[in-house]
Amino acid sequence: MFIHLIVFGASITLGLWDPKHGGWVDRLKTYLYSDDFRIKIKDDFIVYSTMNLGIGGDTTNDLLERFDNEMKQRTSEDFERSQHNIIIFAIETNDCKYSKSKDDVMVKPDDFKKNLNTLSNKAYKYTKKVLFIGFTKVDESKTSPISGKDKYYINKNVRQYNKILKDFCQDNNTLFIDMFDLLSKKDLEDGLHPNSKGHQKMFKRVRDFLLENKLIEK
């Protein structure tokens, strides 16, 4: 039996700055395919099909625009019928990025909340196993602004949007993995994206959460 694990996100999801292992999502894929992760339910072996749908620069606006088409390309009768499938939204910091003014964020807080609600409702049509991954902090010495660009990422905004996301998940009984406290400056390649060590930390937190909440079972 195939269980599909689909991850929507941006450049961190895509695995930027982890060329050898492909980022935390590909590390998770490797783990699920490894000899250390063999599971059997009755007479059927379970195979996890992990799909990395990260696109650099995406906001929740962009995720909404492509969600239906992405799912349409990957759904089948088996997928739609199975509630064992997993959809992960790895919400990254692009929503709270700004240019020039701190109030000029890419996605306003109220719109961000609406987007979370819409994405969640869409995902639950495919599976009961939906979860959101929180924001990672940034190194403002390198992201305020981004070198050579009029783009700013600051932890005040990151913290605000992460709280909005966390509160949304709590209010709607949706699973949430907090990442804000996980990475240090040493884990960030360019102040924004994790390096290989940072991706390894993210992979371990996601893997352990999935196992502890029995979203995947050995």
N, C-alpha and C. Protein backbone atom coordinates (compact mmCIF):
# COMPACT_ATOMS: atom_id res chain seq x y z
N MET A 1 0.84 -1.19 0.00
CA MET A 1 0.00 0.00 0.00
C MET A 1 0.88 1.25 0.00
N PHE A 2 0.55 2.20 -0.84
CA PHE A 2 1.28 3.45 -0.89
C PHE A 2 0.59 4.49 0.00
N ILE A 3 1.39 5.19 0.79
CA ILE A 3 0.91 6.35 1.53
C ILE A 3 1.67 7.56 1.01
N HIS A 4 0.94 8.55 0.56
CA HIS A 4 1.56 9.73 -0.04
C HIS A 4 1.79 10.79 1.03
N LEU A 5 3.01 11.30 1.09
CA LEU A 5 3.38 12.39 1.99
C LEU A 5 3.80 13.56 1.11
N ILE A 6 2.99 14.61 1.10
CA ILE A 6 3.22 15.75 0.21
C ILE A 6 3.57 16.98 1.05
N VAL A 7 4.66 17.63 0.70
CA VAL A 7 5.13 18.79 1.45
C VAL A 7 5.11 20.02 0.55
N PHE A 8 4.31 21.00 0.94
CA PHE A 8 4.25 22.29 0.25
C PHE A 8 5.11 23.30 1.01
N GLY A 9 5.88 24.10 0.30
CA GLY A 9 6.70 25.11 0.96
C GLY A 9 7.44 25.96 -0.04
N ALA A 10 8.55 26.54 0.42
CA ALA A 10 9.34 27.43 -0.42
C ALA A 10 10.78 26.91 -0.50
N SER A 11 11.77 27.81 -0.43
CA SER A 11 13.15 27.41 -0.70
C SER A 11 13.76 26.51 0.38
N ILE A 12 13.34 26.67 1.64
CA ILE A 12 13.85 25.77 2.68
C ILE A 12 13.32 24.36 2.45
N THR A 13 12.05 24.26 2.11
CA THR A 13 11.47 22.97 1.76
C THR A 13 12.20 22.35 0.57
N LEU A 14 12.51 23.19 -0.40
CA LEU A 14 13.20 22.74 -1.61
C LEU A 14 14.57 22.16 -1.29
N GLY A 15 15.18 22.64 -0.19
CA GLY A 15 16.47 22.09 0.24
C GLY A 15 17.67 22.94 -0.10
N LEU A 16 17.44 24.24 -0.28
CA LEU A 16 18.54 25.14 -0.61
C LEU A 16 19.64 25.08 0.45
N TRP A 17 20.89 25.08 0.01
CA TRP A 17 22.09 25.07 0.84
C TRP A 17 22.35 23.72 1.52
N ASP A 18 21.70 22.69 1.04
CA ASP A 18 22.03 21.34 1.51
C ASP A 18 22.21 20.44 0.29
N PRO A 19 23.24 20.73 -0.54
CA PRO A 19 23.37 20.06 -1.84
C PRO A 19 23.59 18.56 -1.75
N LYS A 20 24.23 18.10 -0.71
CA LYS A 20 24.54 16.67 -0.60
C LYS A 20 23.32 15.84 -0.25
N HIS A 21 22.48 16.35 0.67
CA HIS A 21 21.35 15.57 1.17
C HIS A 21 19.99 16.12 0.74
N GLY A 22 19.96 17.29 0.08
CA GLY A 22 18.72 17.79 -0.49
C GLY A 22 17.74 18.44 0.46
N GLY A 23 18.19 18.76 1.70
CA GLY A 23 17.30 19.44 2.64
C GLY A 23 16.53 18.46 3.52
N TRP A 24 15.75 19.03 4.45
CA TRP A 24 15.08 18.19 5.45
C TRP A 24 14.03 17.28 4.83
N VAL A 25 13.38 17.73 3.75
CA VAL A 25 12.34 16.90 3.14
C VAL A 25 12.95 15.67 2.47
N ASP A 26 14.03 15.88 1.70
CA ASP A 26 14.68 14.74 1.06
C ASP A 26 15.34 13.82 2.08
N ARG A 27 15.79 14.38 3.19
CA ARG A 27 16.32 13.53 4.27
C ARG A 27 15.21 12.64 4.83
N LEU A 28 14.02 13.21 4.96
CA LEU A 28 12.88 12.44 5.44
C LEU A 28 12.53 11.34 4.43
N LYS A 29 12.57 11.67 3.17
CA LYS A 29 12.30 10.69 2.11
C LYS A 29 13.29 9.53 2.18
N THR A 30 14.57 9.87 2.34
CA THR A 30 15.60 8.83 2.44
C THR A 30 15.36 7.95 3.65
N TYR A 31 14.98 8.56 4.76
CA TYR A 31 14.71 7.79 5.99
C TYR A 31 13.55 6.82 5.78
N LEU A 32 12.48 7.27 5.14
CA LEU A 32 11.31 6.44 4.94
C LEU A 32 11.57 5.30 3.97
N TYR A 33 12.58 5.47 3.11
CA TYR A 33 12.93 4.41 2.16
C TYR A 33 14.05 3.51 2.68
N SER A 34 14.59 3.82 3.83
CA SER A 34 15.79 3.12 4.30
C SER A 34 15.45 1.76 4.91
N ASP A 35 16.49 0.95 5.08
CA ASP A 35 16.33 -0.37 5.69
C ASP A 35 15.93 -0.27 7.16
N ASP A 36 16.19 0.90 7.76
CA ASP A 36 15.83 1.09 9.17
C ASP A 36 14.34 1.35 9.35
N PHE A 37 13.65 1.58 8.25
CA PHE A 37 12.22 1.91 8.35
C PHE A 37 11.43 0.93 7.49
N ARG A 38 11.21 -0.24 8.04
CA ARG A 38 10.43 -1.27 7.37
C ARG A 38 9.19 -1.56 8.21
N ILE A 39 8.05 -1.39 7.66
CA ILE A 39 6.84 -1.64 8.42
C ILE A 39 5.92 -2.56 7.64
N LYS A 40 5.08 -3.26 8.36
CA LYS A 40 4.15 -4.18 7.72
C LYS A 40 2.85 -4.19 8.50
N ILE A 41 1.76 -3.96 7.79
CA ILE A 41 0.45 -4.01 8.41
C ILE A 41 -0.31 -5.17 7.77
N LYS A 42 -0.68 -6.17 8.55
CA LYS A 42 -1.30 -7.39 8.03
C LYS A 42 -0.38 -7.99 6.96
N ASP A 43 -0.89 -8.09 5.73
CA ASP A 43 -0.09 -8.70 4.66
C ASP A 43 0.45 -7.66 3.69
N ASP A 44 0.21 -6.38 3.97
CA ASP A 44 0.61 -5.33 3.03
C ASP A 44 1.81 -4.56 3.55
N PHE A 45 2.85 -4.46 2.74
CA PHE A 45 3.95 -3.58 3.07
C PHE A 45 3.55 -2.14 2.76
N ILE A 46 3.92 -1.23 3.64
CA ILE A 46 3.58 0.18 3.46
C ILE A 46 4.77 0.90 2.84
N VAL A 47 4.55 1.60 1.76
CA VAL A 47 5.59 2.39 1.11
C VAL A 47 5.17 3.86 1.15
N TYR A 48 6.02 4.71 1.72
CA TYR A 48 5.74 6.13 1.78
C TYR A 48 6.31 6.82 0.55
N SER A 49 5.44 7.42 -0.23
CA SER A 49 5.84 8.17 -1.41
C SER A 49 5.92 9.64 -1.03
N THR A 50 7.14 10.16 -0.88
CA THR A 50 7.35 11.53 -0.40
C THR A 50 7.54 12.48 -1.57
N MET A 51 6.72 13.53 -1.63
CA MET A 51 6.76 14.49 -2.73
C MET A 51 7.15 15.87 -2.21
N ASN A 52 8.23 16.42 -2.73
CA ASN A 52 8.73 17.73 -2.32
C ASN A 52 8.19 18.78 -3.29
N LEU A 53 7.26 19.60 -2.81
CA LEU A 53 6.66 20.64 -3.65
C LEU A 53 7.05 22.03 -3.15
N GLY A 54 8.34 22.19 -2.86
CA GLY A 54 8.86 23.50 -2.46
C GLY A 54 9.25 24.32 -3.67
N ILE A 55 8.86 25.59 -3.69
CA ILE A 55 9.24 26.52 -4.75
C ILE A 55 9.79 27.79 -4.09
N GLY A 56 11.01 28.15 -4.43
CA GLY A 56 11.66 29.30 -3.82
C GLY A 56 10.85 30.58 -3.96
N GLY A 57 10.74 31.31 -2.86
CA GLY A 57 10.06 32.59 -2.85
C GLY A 57 8.57 32.54 -2.60
N ASP A 58 8.00 31.36 -2.51
CA ASP A 58 6.56 31.24 -2.35
C ASP A 58 6.06 31.80 -1.02
N THR A 59 4.91 32.43 -1.08
CA THR A 59 4.15 32.85 0.10
C THR A 59 2.90 31.99 0.17
N THR A 60 2.07 32.22 1.19
CA THR A 60 0.80 31.49 1.26
C THR A 60 -0.11 31.88 0.10
N ASN A 61 0.03 33.09 -0.42
CA ASN A 61 -0.73 33.46 -1.62
C ASN A 61 -0.37 32.54 -2.78
N ASP A 62 0.92 32.30 -2.95
CA ASP A 62 1.39 31.44 -4.03
C ASP A 62 0.96 29.99 -3.83
N LEU A 63 1.02 29.53 -2.58
CA LEU A 63 0.59 28.16 -2.29
C LEU A 63 -0.88 27.97 -2.64
N LEU A 64 -1.68 28.98 -2.34
CA LEU A 64 -3.10 28.88 -2.67
C LEU A 64 -3.32 28.83 -4.18
N GLU A 65 -2.55 29.60 -4.91
CA GLU A 65 -2.72 29.64 -6.35
C GLU A 65 -2.39 28.30 -7.01
N ARG A 66 -1.45 27.56 -6.44
CA ARG A 66 -1.03 26.33 -7.09
C ARG A 66 -1.52 25.05 -6.42
N PHE A 67 -2.12 25.16 -5.25
CA PHE A 67 -2.49 23.95 -4.51
C PHE A 67 -3.39 23.02 -5.31
N ASP A 68 -4.47 23.55 -5.86
CA ASP A 68 -5.43 22.71 -6.57
C ASP A 68 -4.79 22.01 -7.77
N ASN A 69 -4.00 22.75 -8.53
CA ASN A 69 -3.36 22.16 -9.71
C ASN A 69 -2.32 21.10 -9.31
N GLU A 70 -1.56 21.41 -8.26
CA GLU A 70 -0.57 20.45 -7.80
C GLU A 70 -1.24 19.14 -7.37
N MET A 71 -2.33 19.26 -6.63
CA MET A 71 -3.02 18.07 -6.16
C MET A 71 -3.70 17.33 -7.30
N LYS A 72 -4.23 18.07 -8.25
CA LYS A 72 -4.89 17.44 -9.40
C LYS A 72 -3.91 16.58 -10.18
N GLN A 73 -2.66 17.04 -10.29
CA GLN A 73 -1.65 16.29 -11.03
C GLN A 73 -1.23 15.02 -10.31
N ARG A 74 -1.44 14.98 -9.00
CA ARG A 74 -0.92 13.87 -8.21
C ARG A 74 -1.98 12.96 -7.62
N THR A 75 -3.23 13.33 -7.76
CA THR A 75 -4.27 12.53 -7.14
C THR A 75 -4.71 11.40 -8.05
N SER A 76 -5.20 10.39 -7.41
CA SER A 76 -5.76 9.25 -8.10
C SER A 76 -6.93 8.76 -7.26
N GLU A 77 -7.63 7.77 -7.76
CA GLU A 77 -8.73 7.23 -6.99
C GLU A 77 -8.24 6.70 -5.65
N ASP A 78 -7.06 6.05 -5.67
CA ASP A 78 -6.50 5.50 -4.43
C ASP A 78 -6.15 6.61 -3.45
N PHE A 79 -5.57 7.70 -3.99
CA PHE A 79 -5.18 8.79 -3.10
C PHE A 79 -6.40 9.40 -2.43
N GLU A 80 -7.41 9.70 -3.23
CA GLU A 80 -8.59 10.35 -2.71
C GLU A 80 -9.33 9.48 -1.70
N ARG A 81 -9.17 8.17 -1.84
CA ARG A 81 -9.88 7.25 -0.96
C ARG A 81 -9.15 7.04 0.36
N SER A 82 -7.85 7.25 0.39
CA SER A 82 -7.05 6.94 1.57
C SER A 82 -6.94 8.13 2.51
N GLN A 83 -7.25 7.88 3.77
CA GLN A 83 -7.08 8.92 4.79
C GLN A 83 -5.76 8.73 5.54
N HIS A 84 -4.90 7.85 5.03
CA HIS A 84 -3.57 7.67 5.62
C HIS A 84 -2.57 8.66 5.03
N ASN A 85 -2.92 9.30 3.92
CA ASN A 85 -2.02 10.25 3.29
C ASN A 85 -1.76 11.44 4.20
N ILE A 86 -0.63 12.11 3.98
CA ILE A 86 -0.20 13.21 4.84
C ILE A 86 0.10 14.43 3.97
N ILE A 87 -0.45 15.57 4.34
CA ILE A 87 -0.13 16.84 3.68
C ILE A 87 0.51 17.76 4.71
N ILE A 88 1.70 18.24 4.38
CA ILE A 88 2.43 19.15 5.26
C ILE A 88 2.58 20.50 4.57
N PHE A 89 2.23 21.55 5.29
CA PHE A 89 2.50 22.92 4.83
C PHE A 89 3.67 23.46 5.64
N ALA A 90 4.81 23.64 4.97
CA ALA A 90 5.99 24.20 5.63
C ALA A 90 5.99 25.71 5.36
N ILE A 91 5.26 26.44 6.17
CA ILE A 91 5.12 27.88 5.98
C ILE A 91 6.44 28.56 6.33
N GLU A 92 7.00 29.28 5.37
CA GLU A 92 8.31 29.91 5.58
C GLU A 92 8.17 31.42 5.74
N THR A 93 9.28 32.12 5.77
CA THR A 93 9.28 33.52 6.19
C THR A 93 8.93 34.52 5.09
N ASN A 94 8.61 34.05 3.89
CA ASN A 94 8.35 34.99 2.80
C ASN A 94 7.12 35.86 3.04
N ASP A 95 6.13 35.32 3.76
CA ASP A 95 4.93 36.11 4.02
C ASP A 95 5.23 37.38 4.79
N CYS A 96 6.20 37.31 5.71
CA CYS A 96 6.49 38.47 6.56
C CYS A 96 7.70 39.26 6.08
N LYS A 97 8.20 38.94 4.89
CA LYS A 97 9.28 39.73 4.29
C LYS A 97 8.75 41.11 3.91
N TYR A 98 9.60 42.13 4.01
CA TYR A 98 9.14 43.47 3.62
C TYR A 98 10.24 44.21 2.87
N SER A 99 9.81 45.24 2.18
CA SER A 99 10.73 46.15 1.48
C SER A 99 10.49 47.57 1.99
N LYS A 100 11.56 48.25 2.33
CA LYS A 100 11.52 49.66 2.74
C LYS A 100 10.83 49.85 4.08
N SER A 101 9.54 49.57 4.17
CA SER A 101 8.79 49.80 5.41
C SER A 101 8.44 48.49 6.09
N LYS A 102 8.53 48.44 7.41
CA LYS A 102 8.20 47.25 8.16
C LYS A 102 6.72 46.87 8.04
N ASP A 103 5.91 47.85 7.64
CA ASP A 103 4.48 47.59 7.45
C ASP A 103 4.18 47.08 6.05
N ASP A 104 5.17 47.10 5.18
CA ASP A 104 4.98 46.70 3.78
C ASP A 104 5.35 45.23 3.59
N VAL A 105 4.67 44.37 4.37
CA VAL A 105 4.96 42.94 4.29
C VAL A 105 4.30 42.33 3.06
N MET A 106 4.83 41.19 2.63
CA MET A 106 4.31 40.53 1.43
C MET A 106 2.85 40.11 1.59
N VAL A 107 2.52 39.57 2.75
CA VAL A 107 1.15 39.15 3.02
C VAL A 107 0.73 39.73 4.38
N LYS A 108 -0.28 40.56 4.38
CA LYS A 108 -0.74 41.20 5.62
C LYS A 108 -1.22 40.13 6.61
N PRO A 109 -1.12 40.41 7.92
CA PRO A 109 -1.52 39.41 8.93
C PRO A 109 -2.93 38.86 8.75
N ASP A 110 -3.91 39.73 8.47
CA ASP A 110 -5.28 39.25 8.29
C ASP A 110 -5.40 38.35 7.06
N ASP A 111 -4.70 38.70 6.00
CA ASP A 111 -4.72 37.87 4.80
C ASP A 111 -4.01 36.54 5.06
N PHE A 112 -2.95 36.60 5.86
CA PHE A 112 -2.22 35.38 6.22
C PHE A 112 -3.15 34.42 6.95
N LYS A 113 -3.94 34.93 7.90
CA LYS A 113 -4.89 34.08 8.63
C LYS A 113 -5.91 33.46 7.68
N LYS A 114 -6.43 34.26 6.76
CA LYS A 114 -7.41 33.74 5.80
C LYS A 114 -6.79 32.66 4.92
N ASN A 115 -5.55 32.87 4.51
CA ASN A 115 -4.87 31.89 3.67
C ASN A 115 -4.68 30.57 4.40
N LEU A 116 -4.32 30.65 5.68
CA LEU A 116 -4.15 29.43 6.47
C LEU A 116 -5.46 28.65 6.54
N ASN A 117 -6.54 29.35 6.74
CA ASN A 117 -7.85 28.70 6.83
C ASN A 117 -8.23 28.03 5.51
N THR A 118 -7.99 28.74 4.40
CA THR A 118 -8.33 28.18 3.09
C THR A 118 -7.46 26.98 2.74
N LEU A 119 -6.16 27.10 2.99
CA LEU A 119 -5.25 25.97 2.73
C LEU A 119 -5.64 24.76 3.56
N SER A 120 -5.95 24.99 4.81
CA SER A 120 -6.34 23.89 5.70
C SER A 120 -7.60 23.20 5.20
N ASN A 121 -8.61 23.98 4.83
CA ASN A 121 -9.87 23.41 4.35
C ASN A 121 -9.67 22.60 3.08
N LYS A 122 -8.82 23.10 2.19
CA LYS A 122 -8.54 22.38 0.95
C LYS A 122 -7.84 21.06 1.24
N ALA A 123 -6.87 21.09 2.14
CA ALA A 123 -6.09 19.89 2.44
C ALA A 123 -6.94 18.81 3.09
N TYR A 124 -7.86 19.22 3.97
CA TYR A 124 -8.69 18.24 4.67
C TYR A 124 -9.65 17.51 3.75
N LYS A 125 -9.83 18.01 2.53
CA LYS A 125 -10.65 17.29 1.56
C LYS A 125 -9.95 16.02 1.06
N TYR A 126 -8.61 16.00 1.23
CA TYR A 126 -7.82 14.87 0.75
C TYR A 126 -7.43 13.90 1.85
N THR A 127 -7.26 14.40 3.05
CA THR A 127 -6.80 13.54 4.14
C THR A 127 -7.10 14.18 5.49
N LYS A 128 -7.17 13.34 6.51
CA LYS A 128 -7.33 13.85 7.87
C LYS A 128 -6.00 14.23 8.48
N LYS A 129 -4.91 13.81 7.85
CA LYS A 129 -3.57 14.04 8.39
C LYS A 129 -2.95 15.28 7.73
N VAL A 130 -3.22 16.42 8.34
CA VAL A 130 -2.73 17.71 7.85
C VAL A 130 -1.94 18.37 8.97
N LEU A 131 -0.77 18.90 8.64
CA LEU A 131 -0.01 19.60 9.67
C LEU A 131 0.76 20.77 9.08
N PHE A 132 1.03 21.74 9.92
CA PHE A 132 1.77 22.94 9.55
C PHE A 132 3.09 22.97 10.29
N ILE A 133 4.13 23.42 9.59
CA ILE A 133 5.44 23.61 10.20
C ILE A 133 5.70 25.09 10.36
N GLY A 134 6.15 25.48 11.54
CA GLY A 134 6.33 26.89 11.85
C GLY A 134 7.55 27.52 11.23
N PHE A 135 7.72 28.80 11.51
CA PHE A 135 8.79 29.62 10.95
C PHE A 135 10.12 29.37 11.67
N THR A 136 11.20 29.45 10.93
CA THR A 136 12.53 29.43 11.53
C THR A 136 13.03 30.86 11.70
N LYS A 137 13.73 31.12 12.79
CA LYS A 137 14.25 32.47 13.02
C LYS A 137 15.36 32.80 12.03
N VAL A 138 15.70 34.06 11.94
CA VAL A 138 16.72 34.52 11.00
C VAL A 138 17.87 35.18 11.75
N ASP A 139 18.97 35.36 11.05
CA ASP A 139 20.12 36.12 11.56
C ASP A 139 20.02 37.51 10.94
N GLU A 140 19.51 38.46 11.71
CA GLU A 140 19.22 39.79 11.17
C GLU A 140 20.45 40.52 10.66
N SER A 141 21.62 40.15 11.14
CA SER A 141 22.84 40.80 10.65
C SER A 141 23.06 40.52 9.17
N LYS A 142 22.40 39.46 8.66
CA LYS A 142 22.53 39.09 7.26
C LYS A 142 21.23 39.26 6.47
N THR A 143 20.13 39.48 7.17
CA THR A 143 18.83 39.53 6.48
C THR A 143 18.13 40.89 6.59
N SER A 144 18.80 41.85 7.17
CA SER A 144 18.15 43.15 7.35
C SER A 144 19.05 44.30 6.87
N PRO A 145 19.23 44.44 5.54
CA PRO A 145 18.52 43.71 4.47
C PRO A 145 19.33 42.51 3.99
N ILE A 146 18.71 41.75 3.06
CA ILE A 146 19.42 40.71 2.34
C ILE A 146 20.49 41.38 1.49
N SER A 147 21.68 40.84 1.47
CA SER A 147 22.80 41.45 0.75
C SER A 147 22.44 41.73 -0.71
N GLY A 148 22.58 43.00 -1.09
CA GLY A 148 22.36 43.41 -2.47
C GLY A 148 20.90 43.54 -2.86
N LYS A 149 19.99 43.40 -1.90
CA LYS A 149 18.56 43.48 -2.22
C LYS A 149 17.84 44.35 -1.20
N ASP A 150 16.76 44.96 -1.66
CA ASP A 150 15.94 45.77 -0.77
C ASP A 150 14.85 44.90 -0.15
N LYS A 151 15.28 43.85 0.52
CA LYS A 151 14.35 42.92 1.14
C LYS A 151 14.83 42.64 2.56
N TYR A 152 13.89 42.66 3.50
CA TYR A 152 14.21 42.56 4.90
C TYR A 152 13.44 41.41 5.56
N TYR A 153 14.16 40.66 6.39
CA TYR A 153 13.55 39.65 7.25
C TYR A 153 14.00 39.96 8.67
N ILE A 154 13.05 40.20 9.57
CA ILE A 154 13.41 40.48 10.96
C ILE A 154 12.64 39.53 11.89
N ASN A 155 13.25 39.20 13.01
CA ASN A 155 12.65 38.20 13.90
C ASN A 155 11.37 38.68 14.57
N LYS A 156 11.19 39.98 14.71
CA LYS A 156 9.94 40.48 15.27
C LYS A 156 8.76 40.06 14.40
N ASN A 157 8.92 40.22 13.10
CA ASN A 157 7.87 39.81 12.18
C ASN A 157 7.73 38.28 12.12
N VAL A 158 8.88 37.61 12.11
CA VAL A 158 8.87 36.15 12.06
C VAL A 158 8.12 35.59 13.27
N ARG A 159 8.42 36.15 14.44
CA ARG A 159 7.77 35.70 15.68
C ARG A 159 6.27 35.97 15.64
N GLN A 160 5.88 37.14 15.13
CA GLN A 160 4.46 37.49 15.04
C GLN A 160 3.70 36.50 14.15
N TYR A 161 4.25 36.22 12.99
CA TYR A 161 3.56 35.33 12.05
C TYR A 161 3.58 33.88 12.54
N ASN A 162 4.63 33.50 13.20
CA ASN A 162 4.70 32.16 13.77
C ASN A 162 3.62 31.99 14.84
N LYS A 163 3.38 33.03 15.62
CA LYS A 163 2.33 32.97 16.65
C LYS A 163 0.95 32.88 16.01
N ILE A 164 0.75 33.65 14.94
CA ILE A 164 -0.53 33.57 14.22
C ILE A 164 -0.77 32.15 13.75
N LEU A 165 0.26 31.54 13.19
CA LEU A 165 0.16 30.17 12.69
C LEU A 165 -0.10 29.19 13.83
N LYS A 166 0.66 29.33 14.90
CA LYS A 166 0.49 28.43 16.04
C LYS A 166 -0.90 28.55 16.65
N ASP A 167 -1.38 29.78 16.81
CA ASP A 167 -2.71 30.00 17.37
C ASP A 167 -3.79 29.43 16.45
N PHE A 168 -3.60 29.60 15.15
CA PHE A 168 -4.56 29.05 14.20
C PHE A 168 -4.67 27.53 14.36
N CYS A 169 -3.54 26.88 14.46
CA CYS A 169 -3.53 25.42 14.59
C CYS A 169 -4.17 24.98 15.90
N GLN A 170 -3.88 25.69 16.99
CA GLN A 170 -4.49 25.35 18.27
C GLN A 170 -6.00 25.54 18.24
N ASP A 171 -6.45 26.62 17.63
CA ASP A 171 -7.89 26.93 17.58
C ASP A 171 -8.65 25.95 16.69
N ASN A 172 -7.96 25.37 15.71
CA ASN A 172 -8.62 24.48 14.75
C ASN A 172 -8.22 23.02 14.90
N ASN A 173 -7.58 22.72 16.04
CA ASN A 173 -7.20 21.33 16.33
C ASN A 173 -6.39 20.71 15.19
N THR A 174 -5.44 21.50 14.68
CA THR A 174 -4.58 21.07 13.58
C THR A 174 -3.16 20.92 14.11
N LEU A 175 -2.46 19.91 13.65
CA LEU A 175 -1.11 19.63 14.13
C LEU A 175 -0.14 20.73 13.72
N PHE A 176 0.79 21.04 14.62
CA PHE A 176 1.75 22.12 14.40
C PHE A 176 3.11 21.72 14.95
N ILE A 177 4.15 21.94 14.17
CA ILE A 177 5.52 21.69 14.62
C ILE A 177 6.24 23.03 14.72
N ASP A 178 6.60 23.43 15.91
CA ASP A 178 7.28 24.70 16.11
C ASP A 178 8.76 24.56 15.78
N MET A 179 9.28 25.51 15.00
CA MET A 179 10.68 25.49 14.60
C MET A 179 11.44 26.73 15.08
N PHE A 180 10.74 27.66 15.70
CA PHE A 180 11.35 28.95 15.98
C PHE A 180 12.55 28.85 16.92
N ASP A 181 12.51 27.92 17.85
CA ASP A 181 13.59 27.79 18.84
C ASP A 181 14.68 26.83 18.41
N LEU A 182 14.56 26.24 17.23
CA LEU A 182 15.43 25.12 16.86
C LEU A 182 16.81 25.51 16.37
N LEU A 183 16.89 26.47 15.47
CA LEU A 183 18.15 26.77 14.79
C LEU A 183 18.88 27.96 15.42
N SER A 184 20.20 27.84 15.48
CA SER A 184 21.05 28.95 15.92
C SER A 184 21.64 29.63 14.70
N LYS A 185 22.35 30.71 14.91
CA LYS A 185 22.99 31.40 13.79
C LYS A 185 23.97 30.50 13.05
N LYS A 186 24.60 29.58 13.80
CA LYS A 186 25.55 28.66 13.18
C LYS A 186 24.88 27.67 12.23
N ASP A 187 23.55 27.52 12.37
CA ASP A 187 22.81 26.59 11.52
C ASP A 187 22.27 27.25 10.26
N LEU A 188 22.53 28.55 10.09
CA LEU A 188 22.00 29.29 8.95
C LEU A 188 23.12 29.63 7.99
N GLU A 189 22.97 29.25 6.74
CA GLU A 189 24.00 29.46 5.74
C GLU A 189 24.16 30.93 5.38
N ASP A 190 23.04 31.59 5.13
CA ASP A 190 23.05 32.98 4.67
C ASP A 190 22.23 33.89 5.57
N GLY A 191 21.94 33.42 6.76
CA GLY A 191 21.12 34.18 7.70
C GLY A 191 19.65 33.86 7.59
N LEU A 192 19.26 33.21 6.50
CA LEU A 192 17.85 32.91 6.25
C LEU A 192 17.60 31.41 6.07
N HIS A 193 18.44 30.76 5.26
CA HIS A 193 18.25 29.35 4.95
C HIS A 193 19.18 28.48 5.79
N PRO A 194 18.68 27.33 6.25
CA PRO A 194 19.54 26.43 7.02
C PRO A 194 20.67 25.86 6.17
N ASN A 195 21.80 25.62 6.80
CA ASN A 195 22.86 24.86 6.16
C ASN A 195 22.57 23.37 6.37
N SER A 196 23.52 22.53 6.01
CA SER A 196 23.31 21.09 6.13
C SER A 196 22.98 20.68 7.57
N LYS A 197 23.69 21.27 8.53
CA LYS A 197 23.43 20.95 9.94
C LYS A 197 22.03 21.39 10.34
N GLY A 198 21.62 22.55 9.87
CA GLY A 198 20.28 23.04 10.18
C GLY A 198 19.19 22.16 9.60
N HIS A 199 19.38 21.73 8.36
CA HIS A 199 18.40 20.83 7.74
C HIS A 199 18.31 19.50 8.49
N GLN A 200 19.44 19.02 8.98
CA GLN A 200 19.44 17.78 9.75
C GLN A 200 18.62 17.94 11.03
N LYS A 201 18.76 19.08 11.69
CA LYS A 201 17.97 19.34 12.89
C LYS A 201 16.48 19.39 12.59
N MET A 202 16.14 20.04 11.46
CA MET A 202 14.73 20.12 11.08
C MET A 202 14.18 18.74 10.75
N PHE A 203 14.94 17.96 10.02
CA PHE A 203 14.52 16.60 9.69
C PHE A 203 14.22 15.80 10.95
N LYS A 204 15.13 15.85 11.92
CA LYS A 204 14.94 15.08 13.14
C LYS A 204 13.69 15.51 13.90
N ARG A 205 13.44 16.82 13.95
CA ARG A 205 12.25 17.28 14.67
C ARG A 205 10.98 16.82 13.97
N VAL A 206 10.96 16.92 12.64
CA VAL A 206 9.78 16.47 11.89
C VAL A 206 9.60 14.96 12.02
N ARG A 207 10.68 14.21 11.82
CA ARG A 207 10.61 12.76 11.93
C ARG A 207 10.07 12.32 13.29
N ASP A 208 10.64 12.89 14.37
CA ASP A 208 10.22 12.50 15.71
C ASP A 208 8.76 12.85 15.96
N PHE A 209 8.33 14.01 15.44
CA PHE A 209 6.93 14.41 15.62
C PHE A 209 6.00 13.44 14.89
N LEU A 210 6.35 13.08 13.66
CA LEU A 210 5.53 12.16 12.89
C LEU A 210 5.41 10.80 13.58
N LEU A 211 6.52 10.33 14.15
CA LEU A 211 6.50 9.06 14.85
C LEU A 211 5.72 9.14 16.15
N GLU A 212 5.96 10.18 16.93
CA GLU A 212 5.30 10.33 18.23
C GLU A 212 3.79 10.47 18.10
N ASN A 213 3.35 11.10 17.00
CA ASN A 213 1.91 11.31 16.78
C ASN A 213 1.32 10.23 15.86
N LYS A 214 2.11 9.20 15.59
CA LYS A 214 1.67 8.03 14.83
C LYS A 214 1.13 8.40 13.44
N LEU A 215 1.68 9.44 12.86
CA LEU A 215 1.36 9.76 11.47
C LEU A 215 2.12 8.81 10.54
N ILE A 216 3.29 8.39 10.99
CA ILE A 216 4.01 7.28 10.36
C ILE A 216 4.33 6.29 11.45
N GLU A 217 4.35 5.00 11.11
CA GLU A 217 4.58 3.99 12.12
C GLU A 217 5.60 2.97 11.63
N LYS A 218 6.51 2.61 12.51
CA LYS A 218 7.52 1.60 12.18
C LYS A 218 6.96 0.22 12.48
